[in-house]
């Protein structure tokens, strides 16, 4: 642990306000049909990005000041939580939270009264926020209407993607794949939008370690074009596993391993065999793939028959410990293959999705067999298990390939399409409410003037009007889940920030360029002293030179967020 620095009371409140507003003021500009775009730095060596995706803009905020950065990180976590659960409503979350904290800021007075009179205790303030939020969320839930037609879904997609033709295409795909369907959005290479619905498979799985999350924007580990090893052995014997891998990796250097569990030692060794850290950018490790690519997938809840289903889909042999199969006997011919596997790393339970397994013909035979068993089974519990197995093997998977005239435009469209896909799925699950901020405005209009959330709930509607006068018609609708979780996560983070009177941050090791700057300052300072001694600097200019090259004091360092 590195040494820490601490700020208290009013200084802490000021840092919180600045951290909140750095995220809030940039994200809110992207909101609504007239919302603006943001130009962001590139990540992992890629080119800069243009987007109006609220979550992406929020994630790009990394203030230099250690206290402000800490606040920005926790504030944008509310945006992250909404994105994780719904995939939509992130900008609304930020706007509600940002406006709410600015509203309560004057109530967080210190003893010197620097920010107004202290009229309410902080814990009471937190309780007021959370109690009002519960009532608002309940009203949103009651207001939700079920999506009954494709036309209703089209309205949601068109608003999200801001393109009528593209919105209808996305809605049609979401309608066909259903509420539990999976739609994969990938980069295309033909300069246009292409769509396809193919058969896939779903099964419960987990990412073994966050280091394997190679699509951090969506909390996913993605493996592509690999062979597959499937076993119900718990992999905790390093020697046995690597004896097996040495035989097969020579011929199949890309491998996905599906097993109930992996020891920590094996996870670390597999990772080191696959990736190496080459540099660090924006506090994130930049890695490159080595000769072998090995992706462990943890499936602790699978039963034997589910392992068999997966093995059929991938056209692999199931290495079953219960029948005496061992890793020592595994050969290349026992491996299956896949085109793509997406495993989510989220708190919400979400199945992994496999696309393009090599056992397509055998899958249809397997499904037919399961359907016969279903007809003959009388017990409800077993019937439901069989239905889930059939649904898992016969999942419809939509693929949208996004191509455009430039990489910047491709990235922009890809983010918009992903938002529209998530908005459609959320609407199919939880219904829809009035859009354009009207749902929250209608709720706010009925609240008493003294309600602590009133102004914050009005702000999404007001922000749309600030961006450009827009008439909100009945055609404008939003997923109810997006509004519900926007209120929940925005109020939760602000309620907790309202109780903070101390911020403790770790100091940072100086970057190499800061060392070079320090050396230059010493040299200039020595030069200044010599000029003063030789009478080449006027007496009244002496203090200016001293101040310029003396560096910041600790107190100035703590306060520098006011001048960023």
Protein backbone atom coordinates (compact mmCIF):
# COMPACT_ATOMS: atom_id res chain seq x y z
CA UNK A 1 0.00 0.00 0.00
CA UNK A 2 1.32 3.43 -0.94
CA UNK A 3 1.23 6.49 1.37
CA UNK A 4 -2.12 8.29 1.44
CA UNK A 5 -3.39 11.87 1.46
CA UNK A 6 -6.63 12.98 3.13
CA UNK A 7 -9.03 15.90 2.74
CA UNK A 8 -11.92 16.62 5.10
CA UNK A 9 -15.24 18.46 5.39
CA UNK A 10 -15.68 21.32 2.89
CA UNK A 11 -12.59 20.32 0.90
CA UNK A 12 -14.00 16.82 0.55
CA UNK A 13 -17.40 18.20 -0.51
CA UNK A 14 -15.74 20.43 -3.11
CA UNK A 15 -13.79 17.46 -4.52
CA UNK A 16 -16.99 15.40 -4.70
CA UNK A 17 -18.78 18.19 -6.56
CA UNK A 18 -15.96 18.51 -9.06
CA UNK A 19 -15.70 14.74 -9.60
CA UNK A 20 -19.46 14.41 -10.11
CA UNK A 21 -19.61 17.38 -12.48
CA UNK A 22 -16.71 16.22 -14.64
CA UNK A 23 -18.77 13.14 -15.51
CA UNK A 24 -22.20 14.81 -15.41
CA UNK A 25 -21.41 17.85 -17.59
CA UNK A 26 -19.79 15.84 -20.37
CA UNK A 27 -22.32 12.99 -20.43
CA UNK A 28 -25.47 15.16 -20.37
CA UNK A 29 -24.46 16.86 -23.64
CA UNK A 30 -24.98 13.55 -25.47
CA UNK A 31 -28.60 13.18 -24.33
CA UNK A 32 -31.69 13.21 -26.54
CA UNK A 33 -32.36 13.41 -30.29
CA UNK A 34 -30.29 16.62 -30.54
CA UNK A 35 -27.53 15.30 -28.25
CA UNK A 36 -23.93 16.02 -29.22
CA UNK A 37 -20.98 13.68 -29.74
CA UNK A 38 -17.74 13.41 -27.79
CA UNK A 39 -14.28 12.79 -29.23
CA UNK A 40 -12.38 10.39 -26.97
CA UNK A 41 -8.81 9.15 -26.83
CA UNK A 42 -8.10 5.71 -28.29
CA UNK A 43 -7.56 2.68 -26.06
CA UNK A 44 -5.10 -0.21 -26.40
CA UNK A 45 -3.23 1.55 -29.19
CA UNK A 46 -6.32 2.15 -31.32
CA UNK A 47 -7.37 5.36 -33.01
CA UNK A 48 -9.52 8.06 -31.25
CA UNK A 49 -13.27 7.44 -31.02
CA UNK A 50 -16.36 9.55 -31.70
CA UNK A 51 -19.48 8.56 -29.78
CA UNK A 52 -22.53 9.82 -27.91
CA UNK A 53 -22.81 6.67 -25.80
CA UNK A 54 -23.17 7.98 -22.24
CA UNK A 55 -21.46 5.04 -20.58
CA UNK A 56 -18.41 5.25 -22.86
CA UNK A 57 -18.09 9.00 -22.27
CA UNK A 58 -18.35 8.48 -18.50
CA UNK A 59 -15.71 5.73 -18.52
CA UNK A 60 -13.28 8.03 -20.35
CA UNK A 61 -13.13 10.44 -17.38
CA UNK A 62 -9.86 9.93 -15.44
CA UNK A 63 -9.06 13.26 -13.69
CA UNK A 64 -5.44 13.92 -12.73
CA UNK A 65 -6.23 14.92 -9.15
CA UNK A 66 -6.31 11.81 -6.97
CA UNK A 67 -9.32 12.93 -4.90
CA UNK A 68 -11.44 14.05 -7.85
CA UNK A 69 -10.57 10.84 -9.69
CA UNK A 70 -11.75 8.74 -6.76
CA UNK A 71 -15.10 10.54 -6.83
CA UNK A 72 -15.46 10.26 -10.61
CA UNK A 73 -14.81 6.51 -10.40
CA UNK A 74 -17.49 5.88 -7.77
CA UNK A 75 -20.00 8.23 -9.44
CA UNK A 76 -19.65 6.62 -12.86
CA UNK A 77 -20.10 3.22 -11.18
CA UNK A 78 -23.82 4.07 -11.03
CA UNK A 79 -23.72 4.38 -14.80
CA UNK A 80 -21.83 1.09 -15.01
CA UNK A 81 -24.44 -0.73 -12.90
CA UNK A 82 -27.29 0.43 -15.15
CA UNK A 83 -25.30 -0.56 -18.22
CA UNK A 84 -24.54 -3.96 -16.73
CA UNK A 85 -28.16 -4.81 -15.95
CA UNK A 86 -30.04 -3.08 -18.77
CA UNK A 87 -27.48 -1.95 -21.37
CA UNK A 88 -29.46 1.29 -21.73
CA UNK A 89 -30.39 4.29 -19.55
CA UNK A 90 -26.82 5.15 -18.62
CA UNK A 91 -27.06 8.81 -19.62
CA UNK A 92 -30.32 9.18 -17.71
CA UNK A 93 -28.60 7.70 -14.65
CA UNK A 94 -25.81 10.28 -14.87
CA UNK A 95 -28.17 13.20 -15.41
CA UNK A 96 -30.39 12.31 -12.44
CA UNK A 97 -27.37 11.72 -10.19
CA UNK A 98 -25.50 14.82 -11.31
CA UNK A 99 -28.46 17.14 -10.86
CA UNK A 100 -29.32 15.60 -7.49
CA UNK A 101 -25.82 16.06 -6.06
CA UNK A 102 -25.73 19.68 -7.25
CA UNK A 103 -29.10 20.22 -5.55
CA UNK A 104 -27.97 18.86 -2.19
CA UNK A 105 -24.48 20.39 -2.28
CA UNK A 106 -25.57 23.57 -0.49
CA UNK A 107 -27.03 21.46 2.32
CA UNK A 108 -23.65 19.91 3.04
CA UNK A 109 -22.30 22.88 5.00
CA UNK A 110 -19.25 22.77 7.20
CA UNK A 111 -19.02 24.50 10.57
CA UNK A 112 -17.76 27.71 8.95
CA UNK A 113 -20.82 27.96 6.77
CA UNK A 114 -18.81 28.01 3.52
CA UNK A 115 -21.64 26.30 1.65
CA UNK A 116 -24.73 27.67 3.34
CA UNK A 117 -26.56 26.81 6.53
CA UNK A 118 -26.50 23.21 7.70
CA UNK A 119 -30.22 22.62 7.77
CA UNK A 120 -30.29 18.82 7.72
CA UNK A 121 -28.16 15.99 9.03
CA UNK A 122 -26.37 13.98 6.36
CA UNK A 123 -27.87 10.64 7.41
CA UNK A 124 -31.34 12.20 7.29
CA UNK A 125 -30.55 13.52 3.82
CA UNK A 126 -29.60 10.02 2.69
CA UNK A 127 -32.82 8.57 4.10
CA UNK A 128 -34.93 11.22 2.35
CA UNK A 129 -33.31 10.42 -1.01
CA UNK A 130 -33.73 6.65 -0.70
CA UNK A 131 -37.33 6.79 0.59
CA UNK A 132 -38.42 9.10 -2.21
CA UNK A 133 -36.59 6.91 -4.76
CA UNK A 134 -38.52 3.80 -3.63
CA UNK A 135 -41.83 5.55 -4.32
CA UNK A 136 -40.64 6.77 -7.72
CA UNK A 137 -39.44 3.30 -8.76
CA UNK A 138 -42.75 1.76 -7.73
CA UNK A 139 -44.60 4.31 -9.86
CA UNK A 140 -42.36 3.57 -12.86
CA UNK A 141 -43.04 -0.15 -12.47
CA UNK A 142 -46.81 0.40 -12.31
CA UNK A 143 -46.70 2.68 -15.38
CA UNK A 144 -44.98 0.08 -17.58
CA UNK A 145 -46.92 -1.37 -20.52
CA UNK A 146 -46.09 -4.74 -22.05
CA UNK A 147 -44.70 -4.80 -25.60
CA UNK A 148 -47.38 -6.53 -27.66
CA UNK A 149 -46.46 -5.68 -31.25
CA UNK A 150 -43.39 -5.36 -33.46
CA UNK A 151 -44.41 -1.75 -34.15
CA UNK A 152 -44.01 -0.86 -30.45
CA UNK A 153 -40.56 -2.43 -30.42
CA UNK A 154 -39.63 -0.48 -33.56
CA UNK A 155 -40.39 2.80 -31.80
CA UNK A 156 -37.91 1.95 -29.04
CA UNK A 157 -35.18 0.87 -31.45
CA UNK A 158 -35.60 3.91 -33.73
CA UNK A 159 -35.31 6.33 -30.79
CA UNK A 160 -32.21 4.56 -29.51
CA UNK A 161 -30.34 4.26 -32.82
CA UNK A 162 -31.66 7.56 -34.30
CA UNK A 163 -32.30 5.97 -37.68
CA UNK A 164 -35.71 4.69 -38.83
CA UNK A 165 -34.55 2.02 -41.29
CA UNK A 166 -31.84 0.69 -39.00
CA UNK A 167 -34.20 0.82 -36.01
CA UNK A 168 -36.75 -1.36 -37.79
CA UNK A 169 -34.07 -3.85 -38.76
CA UNK A 170 -32.84 -4.15 -35.14
CA UNK A 171 -36.38 -4.42 -33.76
CA UNK A 172 -37.25 -7.20 -36.24
CA UNK A 173 -34.20 -9.19 -35.18
CA UNK A 174 -34.95 -8.68 -31.46
CA UNK A 175 -38.58 -9.71 -32.07
CA UNK A 176 -37.54 -12.90 -33.86
CA UNK A 177 -34.90 -13.97 -31.33
CA UNK A 178 -37.21 -13.17 -28.39
CA UNK A 179 -36.68 -11.93 -24.88
CA UNK A 180 -34.01 -14.54 -24.13
CA UNK A 181 -32.41 -14.33 -27.55
CA UNK A 182 -28.83 -13.21 -28.09
CA UNK A 183 -27.79 -10.64 -30.69
CA UNK A 184 -24.10 -10.26 -31.42
CA UNK A 185 -22.88 -6.94 -32.86
CA UNK A 186 -19.56 -7.24 -34.69
CA UNK A 187 -17.50 -5.21 -37.14
CA UNK A 188 -18.22 -5.96 -40.79
CA UNK A 189 -15.94 -5.47 -43.78
CA UNK A 190 -18.31 -4.73 -46.64
CA UNK A 191 -19.02 -1.09 -45.77
CA UNK A 192 -22.69 -1.79 -44.95
CA UNK A 193 -25.00 -3.25 -42.29
CA UNK A 194 -25.61 -6.99 -42.62
CA UNK A 195 -27.80 -9.24 -40.46
CA UNK A 196 -28.14 -12.97 -39.99
CA UNK A 197 -29.99 -15.29 -37.62
CA UNK A 198 -28.22 -18.56 -36.89
CA UNK A 199 -28.55 -21.37 -34.40
CA UNK A 200 -26.52 -21.12 -31.24
CA UNK A 201 -26.36 -22.62 -27.76
CA UNK A 202 -26.66 -21.20 -24.27
CA UNK A 203 -25.43 -22.61 -20.97
CA UNK A 204 -24.59 -21.21 -17.50
CA UNK A 205 -20.89 -20.33 -17.26
CA UNK A 206 -18.50 -17.94 -15.51
CA UNK A 207 -15.28 -16.13 -16.32
CA UNK A 208 -12.59 -17.66 -14.10
CA UNK A 209 -10.72 -14.39 -13.58
CA UNK A 210 -11.27 -10.76 -14.59
CA UNK A 211 -7.90 -10.79 -16.37
CA UNK A 212 -9.61 -12.82 -19.11
CA UNK A 213 -12.24 -10.13 -19.79
CA UNK A 214 -11.13 -9.01 -23.25
CA UNK A 215 -14.23 -6.95 -24.03
CA UNK A 216 -14.36 -4.70 -20.93
CA UNK A 217 -17.08 -2.39 -22.29
CA UNK A 218 -19.57 -5.27 -21.98
CA UNK A 219 -17.86 -7.26 -19.19
CA UNK A 220 -17.27 -10.21 -21.53
CA UNK A 221 -14.66 -12.82 -22.29
CA UNK A 222 -14.85 -13.67 -25.98
CA UNK A 223 -13.13 -16.62 -27.62
CA UNK A 224 -13.15 -17.03 -31.40
CA UNK A 225 -12.22 -19.85 -33.77
CA UNK A 226 -10.82 -22.21 -31.15
CA UNK A 227 -10.86 -25.92 -30.47
CA UNK A 228 -12.79 -27.06 -27.36
CA UNK A 229 -11.94 -29.46 -24.53
CA UNK A 230 -14.95 -30.49 -22.38
CA UNK A 231 -14.60 -32.30 -19.06
CA UNK A 232 -16.29 -32.58 -15.66
CA UNK A 233 -12.92 -33.03 -13.93
CA UNK A 234 -12.06 -30.21 -11.53
CA UNK A 235 -8.74 -29.00 -12.89
CA UNK A 236 -6.44 -28.63 -9.90
CA UNK A 237 -3.52 -30.88 -10.88
CA UNK A 238 -1.08 -28.77 -12.88
CA UNK A 239 1.15 -31.65 -14.02
CA UNK A 240 -1.73 -33.76 -15.36
CA UNK A 241 -3.33 -30.86 -17.22
CA UNK A 242 -0.12 -29.64 -18.82
CA UNK A 243 0.90 -33.14 -19.88
CA UNK A 244 -2.41 -33.18 -21.76
CA UNK A 245 -1.97 -29.66 -23.20
CA UNK A 246 1.55 -30.34 -24.45
CA UNK A 247 0.16 -33.08 -26.70
CA UNK A 248 -2.69 -31.10 -28.22
CA UNK A 249 -1.42 -27.50 -28.38
CA UNK A 250 1.20 -28.44 -30.95
CA UNK A 251 -1.61 -29.13 -33.43
CA UNK A 252 -4.32 -26.88 -31.93
CA UNK A 253 -2.67 -23.70 -30.51
CA UNK A 254 -6.04 -22.03 -29.75
CA UNK A 255 -8.07 -23.85 -27.09
CA UNK A 256 -11.14 -23.23 -24.93
CA UNK A 257 -11.37 -25.46 -21.83
CA UNK A 258 -14.82 -26.01 -20.28
CA UNK A 259 -14.68 -27.52 -16.77
CA UNK A 260 -16.46 -27.20 -13.39
CA UNK A 261 -13.54 -25.48 -11.66
CA UNK A 262 -9.90 -24.42 -12.02
CA UNK A 263 -7.34 -23.94 -9.25
CA UNK A 264 -5.82 -20.49 -8.91
CA UNK A 265 -2.38 -21.85 -9.84
CA UNK A 266 -3.71 -23.30 -13.07
CA UNK A 267 -5.63 -20.11 -13.96
CA UNK A 268 -2.49 -18.01 -13.53
CA UNK A 269 -0.32 -20.43 -15.50
CA UNK A 270 -2.82 -20.62 -18.37
CA UNK A 271 -2.99 -16.84 -18.50
CA UNK A 272 0.79 -16.48 -18.57
CA UNK A 273 0.94 -19.00 -21.41
CA UNK A 274 -1.55 -16.89 -23.40
CA UNK A 275 -0.79 -13.23 -22.71
CA UNK A 276 2.09 -10.97 -21.74
CA UNK A 277 1.94 -7.36 -20.53
CA UNK A 278 3.75 -5.08 -22.98
CA UNK A 279 2.89 -1.62 -21.59
CA UNK A 280 0.42 0.36 -19.49
CA UNK A 281 -2.01 2.98 -20.83
CA UNK A 282 -4.44 5.00 -18.69
CA UNK A 283 -3.70 2.74 -15.71
CA UNK A 284 -4.66 -0.36 -17.72
CA UNK A 285 -2.31 -3.13 -18.77
CA UNK A 286 -1.88 -3.54 -22.52
CA UNK A 287 -1.39 -7.21 -23.37
CA UNK A 288 -0.53 -9.14 -26.49
CA UNK A 289 -1.20 -12.78 -27.33
CA UNK A 290 1.65 -15.26 -27.22
CA UNK A 291 2.07 -18.40 -29.30
CA UNK A 292 -0.76 -20.28 -27.56
CA UNK A 293 -4.24 -19.02 -26.69
CA UNK A 294 -5.96 -20.88 -23.84
CA UNK A 295 -9.32 -19.73 -22.43
CA UNK A 296 -10.70 -21.47 -19.30
CA UNK A 297 -14.50 -21.41 -18.85
CA UNK A 298 -15.94 -22.32 -15.45
CA UNK A 299 -19.25 -24.26 -15.39
CA UNK A 300 -19.83 -25.26 -11.73
CA UNK A 301 -23.57 -25.89 -12.04
CA UNK A 302 -23.70 -28.15 -15.10
CA UNK A 303 -25.08 -31.67 -14.72
CA UNK A 304 -23.69 -34.66 -16.64
CA UNK A 305 -26.44 -34.56 -19.28
CA UNK A 306 -25.79 -30.86 -19.90
CA UNK A 307 -22.09 -31.57 -20.46
CA UNK A 308 -23.21 -34.17 -22.99
CA UNK A 309 -25.45 -31.61 -24.73
CA UNK A 310 -22.56 -29.15 -25.00
CA UNK A 311 -20.24 -31.86 -26.29
CA UNK A 312 -22.76 -32.66 -29.04
CA UNK A 313 -23.01 -28.99 -30.05
CA UNK A 314 -19.22 -28.60 -30.28
CA UNK A 315 -18.77 -32.09 -31.81
CA UNK A 316 -16.38 -32.96 -29.00
CA UNK A 317 -15.80 -36.00 -26.81
CA UNK A 318 -16.99 -35.51 -23.24
CA UNK A 319 -14.15 -36.43 -20.86
CA UNK A 320 -16.34 -37.84 -18.11
CA UNK A 321 -14.67 -38.63 -14.78
CA UNK A 322 -17.70 -40.75 -13.75
CA UNK A 323 -17.00 -43.27 -16.51
CA UNK A 324 -13.25 -43.38 -15.86
CA UNK A 325 -12.12 -40.94 -18.56
CA UNK A 326 -8.85 -39.16 -17.73
CA UNK A 327 -6.94 -36.23 -19.15
CA UNK A 328 -4.05 -38.55 -19.83
CA UNK A 329 -6.06 -40.19 -22.61
CA UNK A 330 -7.12 -36.98 -24.38
CA UNK A 331 -6.03 -36.65 -28.02
CA UNK A 332 -6.61 -33.97 -30.67
CA UNK A 333 -9.50 -36.02 -32.07
CA UNK A 334 -11.40 -35.57 -28.78
CA UNK A 335 -11.58 -31.80 -29.24
CA UNK A 336 -14.54 -29.97 -30.71
CA UNK A 337 -14.57 -26.53 -32.35
CA UNK A 338 -16.49 -23.25 -32.22
CA UNK A 339 -16.73 -19.99 -34.10
CA UNK A 340 -17.41 -17.80 -31.06
CA UNK A 341 -18.15 -18.08 -27.35
CA UNK A 342 -19.25 -15.11 -25.21
CA UNK A 343 -19.06 -15.47 -21.42
CA UNK A 344 -20.38 -12.64 -19.23
CA UNK A 345 -18.54 -11.38 -16.16
CA UNK A 346 -21.40 -9.73 -14.28
CA UNK A 347 -23.25 -10.09 -10.98
CA UNK A 348 -26.45 -10.72 -12.91
CA UNK A 349 -26.80 -14.37 -13.93
CA UNK A 350 -26.52 -14.51 -17.70
CA UNK A 351 -25.80 -17.59 -19.81
CA UNK A 352 -22.76 -17.97 -22.01
CA UNK A 353 -23.63 -18.01 -25.72
CA UNK A 354 -21.89 -20.25 -28.25
CA UNK A 355 -22.12 -19.65 -31.99
CA UNK A 356 -21.07 -21.95 -34.79
CA UNK A 357 -20.37 -25.25 -33.07
CA UNK A 358 -19.23 -27.96 -35.47
CA UNK A 359 -21.85 -30.55 -34.43
CA UNK A 360 -24.83 -28.94 -36.23
CA UNK A 361 -26.36 -32.11 -37.68
CA UNK A 362 -25.94 -34.06 -34.43
CA UNK A 363 -27.66 -31.22 -32.53
CA UNK A 364 -30.89 -31.72 -34.49
CA UNK A 365 -30.80 -35.44 -33.70
CA UNK A 366 -30.18 -34.67 -30.04
CA UNK A 367 -33.08 -32.20 -29.90
CA UNK A 368 -35.41 -34.74 -31.51
CA UNK A 369 -34.41 -37.31 -28.86
CA UNK A 370 -35.03 -34.82 -26.04
CA UNK A 371 -38.46 -33.95 -27.46
CA UNK A 372 -39.43 -37.64 -27.40
CA UNK A 373 -38.32 -37.84 -23.77
CA UNK A 374 -40.38 -34.72 -23.05
CA UNK A 375 -43.51 -36.35 -24.47
CA UNK A 376 -42.98 -39.41 -22.29
CA UNK A 377 -42.14 -37.55 -19.07
CA UNK A 378 -45.00 -36.87 -16.63
CA UNK A 379 -43.17 -35.23 -13.72
CA UNK A 380 -43.36 -31.42 -14.02
CA UNK A 381 -39.86 -30.82 -12.64
CA UNK A 382 -38.24 -33.16 -15.18
CA UNK A 383 -40.37 -31.74 -18.00
CA UNK A 384 -39.09 -28.22 -17.19
CA UNK A 385 -35.48 -29.46 -17.14
CA UNK A 386 -35.94 -31.04 -20.58
CA UNK A 387 -37.57 -27.87 -21.94
CA UNK A 388 -34.60 -25.80 -20.75
CA UNK A 389 -32.14 -28.24 -22.36
CA UNK A 390 -34.03 -28.11 -25.67
CA UNK A 391 -34.21 -24.31 -25.54
CA UNK A 392 -30.48 -24.10 -24.77
CA UNK A 393 -29.54 -26.22 -27.78
CA UNK A 394 -32.00 -24.56 -30.17
CA UNK A 395 -31.30 -20.93 -29.28
CA UNK A 396 -31.69 -18.37 -32.05
CA UNK A 397 -28.67 -16.07 -32.26
CA UNK A 398 -28.78 -12.85 -34.25
CA UNK A 399 -25.61 -11.39 -35.76
CA UNK A 400 -25.37 -7.77 -36.92
CA UNK A 401 -22.25 -6.96 -38.92
CA UNK A 402 -21.53 -3.24 -38.88
CA UNK A 403 -19.57 -1.72 -41.74
CA UNK A 404 -19.14 1.91 -42.77
CA UNK A 405 -16.92 4.18 -44.86
CA UNK A 406 -14.45 4.77 -42.02
CA UNK A 407 -13.40 3.07 -38.78
CA UNK A 408 -14.64 6.07 -36.78
CA UNK A 409 -18.10 5.77 -38.34
CA UNK A 410 -18.09 1.99 -37.84
CA UNK A 411 -17.34 2.43 -34.13
CA UNK A 412 -20.05 5.09 -33.80
CA UNK A 413 -22.69 2.91 -35.48
CA UNK A 414 -21.65 -0.18 -33.54
CA UNK A 415 -22.20 1.59 -30.20
CA UNK A 416 -25.59 2.93 -31.33
CA UNK A 417 -26.72 -0.49 -32.54
CA UNK A 418 -25.59 -2.16 -29.30
CA UNK A 419 -27.63 0.39 -27.31
CA UNK A 420 -30.70 -0.25 -29.47
CA UNK A 421 -30.36 -4.03 -29.08
CA UNK A 422 -30.19 -3.73 -25.28
CA UNK A 423 -33.11 -1.27 -25.26
CA UNK A 424 -35.25 -3.76 -27.21
CA UNK A 425 -34.35 -6.65 -24.92
CA UNK A 426 -35.11 -4.54 -21.84
CA UNK A 427 -38.49 -3.53 -23.28
CA UNK A 428 -39.39 -7.13 -24.08
CA UNK A 429 -38.56 -8.08 -20.47
CA UNK A 430 -40.05 -5.20 -18.51
CA UNK A 431 -42.31 -3.25 -20.86
CA UNK A 432 -42.14 0.42 -21.81
CA UNK A 433 -43.08 3.87 -20.48
CA UNK A 434 -43.33 7.35 -21.95
CA UNK A 435 -39.97 8.44 -23.34
CA UNK A 436 -38.05 11.67 -23.76
CA UNK A 437 -38.00 12.22 -20.00
CA UNK A 438 -41.80 12.47 -19.85
CA UNK A 439 -42.31 9.50 -17.54
CA UNK A 440 -40.09 11.04 -14.87
CA UNK A 441 -41.48 14.53 -15.55
CA UNK A 442 -45.05 13.32 -14.99
CA UNK A 443 -43.97 11.71 -11.71
CA UNK A 444 -42.07 14.83 -10.64
CA UNK A 445 -45.00 17.12 -11.43
CA UNK A 446 -47.09 15.22 -8.90
CA UNK A 447 -44.48 15.44 -6.14
CA UNK A 448 -44.61 18.25 -3.56
CA UNK A 449 -42.17 21.13 -4.08
CA UNK A 450 -40.27 20.02 -0.99
CA UNK A 451 -39.49 16.54 -2.35
CA UNK A 452 -35.74 16.15 -2.63
CA UNK A 453 -35.92 14.32 -6.00
CA UNK A 454 -38.29 16.68 -7.78
CA UNK A 455 -35.72 18.75 -9.70
CA UNK A 456 -33.50 15.76 -10.48
CA UNK A 457 -36.42 13.85 -12.04
CA UNK A 458 -37.28 16.85 -14.21
CA UNK A 459 -33.73 17.21 -15.49
CA UNK A 460 -33.74 14.50 -18.25
CA UNK A 461 -36.74 16.21 -19.90
CA UNK A 462 -35.22 19.65 -19.36
CA UNK A 463 -31.88 18.56 -20.82
CA UNK A 464 -33.56 17.36 -24.02
CA UNK A 465 -35.21 20.76 -24.35
CA UNK A 466 -31.90 22.54 -23.73
CA UNK A 467 -30.22 20.49 -26.48
CA UNK A 468 -32.88 21.58 -28.96
CA UNK A 469 -36.60 22.22 -28.58
CA UNK A 470 -38.20 18.82 -29.12
CA UNK A 471 -41.89 17.93 -29.05
CA UNK A 472 -42.28 14.63 -27.19
CA UNK A 473 -45.14 12.71 -28.83
CA UNK A 474 -46.79 9.42 -27.91
CA UNK A 475 -44.48 7.74 -30.43
CA UNK A 476 -41.54 8.33 -28.09
CA UNK A 477 -41.24 5.46 -25.60
CA UNK A 478 -38.43 4.07 -23.43
CA UNK A 479 -37.80 0.67 -21.79
CA UNK A 480 -39.25 0.78 -18.27
CA UNK A 481 -36.21 -1.05 -16.88
CA UNK A 482 -33.88 1.70 -18.12
CA UNK A 483 -35.84 4.34 -16.21
CA UNK A 484 -36.29 2.17 -13.11
CA UNK A 485 -32.59 1.35 -12.75
CA UNK A 486 -31.52 4.88 -13.68
CA UNK A 487 -33.45 6.14 -10.65
CA UNK A 488 -32.19 3.32 -8.42
CA UNK A 489 -28.50 3.65 -9.19
CA UNK A 490 -28.37 7.45 -9.42
CA UNK A 491 -30.08 7.97 -6.07
CA UNK A 492 -28.07 5.21 -4.39
CA UNK A 493 -24.67 6.67 -5.28
CA UNK A 494 -25.66 10.24 -4.41
CA UNK A 495 -27.26 9.19 -1.12
CA UNK A 496 -23.98 7.59 -0.11
CA UNK A 497 -21.83 10.47 -1.36
CA UNK A 498 -23.98 12.79 0.76
CA UNK A 499 -22.58 11.14 3.90
CA UNK A 500 -18.90 11.51 2.92
CA UNK A 501 -16.85 14.02 4.94
CA UNK A 502 -13.41 12.50 4.34
CA UNK A 503 -11.64 11.33 1.19
CA UNK A 504 -8.51 9.24 1.57
CA UNK A 505 -6.55 8.53 -1.62
CA UNK A 506 -3.33 6.71 -2.32
CA UNK A 507 -0.54 8.88 -3.65
CA UNK A 508 0.89 7.97 -7.02
CA UNK A 509 4.38 7.10 -8.07
CA UNK A 510 5.71 9.89 -10.28
CA UNK A 511 5.75 9.20 -14.00
CA UNK A 512 9.15 9.23 -15.77
CA UNK A 513 8.34 12.53 -17.48
CA UNK A 514 7.67 14.11 -14.07
CA UNK A 515 11.20 13.15 -13.00
CA UNK A 516 12.63 14.81 -16.11
CA UNK A 517 10.57 17.92 -15.38
CA UNK A 518 11.85 17.99 -11.79
CA UNK A 519 15.47 17.85 -13.02
CA UNK A 520 14.76 20.67 -15.49
CA UNK A 521 13.21 22.75 -12.71
CA UNK A 522 16.28 22.26 -10.50
CA UNK A 523 18.55 23.39 -13.34
CA UNK A 524 16.39 26.44 -14.03
CA UNK A 525 16.22 27.22 -10.31
CA UNK A 526 20.05 27.12 -10.08
CA UNK A 527 20.26 29.36 -13.12
CA UNK A 528 17.83 31.77 -11.47
CA UNK A 529 19.88 31.86 -8.26
CA UNK A 530 23.05 32.65 -10.22
CA UNK A 531 21.30 35.46 -12.12
CA UNK A 532 20.02 36.89 -8.82
CA UNK A 533 23.52 36.68 -7.30
CA UNK A 534 25.06 38.41 -10.33
CA UNK A 535 22.43 41.16 -10.16
CA UNK A 536 20.89 40.26 -13.50
CA UNK A 537 17.37 39.98 -12.02
CA UNK A 538 15.66 42.94 -10.43
CA UNK A 539 14.93 42.68 -6.73
CA UNK A 540 11.15 42.78 -7.18
CA UNK A 541 11.33 39.92 -9.73
CA UNK A 542 13.27 37.63 -7.42
CA UNK A 543 10.19 36.19 -5.67
CA UNK A 544 8.52 35.45 -9.01
CA UNK A 545 11.48 33.28 -10.05
CA UNK A 546 11.56 31.52 -6.72
CA UNK A 547 7.84 30.73 -6.86
CA UNK A 548 8.04 29.54 -10.45
CA UNK A 549 10.62 26.82 -9.78
CA UNK A 550 10.01 25.90 -6.16
CA UNK A 551 7.27 23.32 -6.89
CA UNK A 552 3.91 22.82 -5.16
CA UNK A 553 3.60 22.59 -1.40
CA UNK A 554 1.57 19.69 0.01
CA UNK A 555 -1.35 21.98 0.79
CA UNK A 556 -1.27 23.34 -2.78
CA UNK A 557 -1.16 19.77 -4.06
CA UNK A 558 -4.28 18.91 -2.08
CA UNK A 559 -6.06 22.02 -3.32
CA UNK A 560 -5.02 21.83 -6.98
CA UNK A 561 -8.36 20.39 -8.14
CA UNK A 562 -9.77 23.92 -7.84
CA UNK A 563 -7.43 25.03 -10.63
CA UNK A 564 -7.49 21.99 -12.92
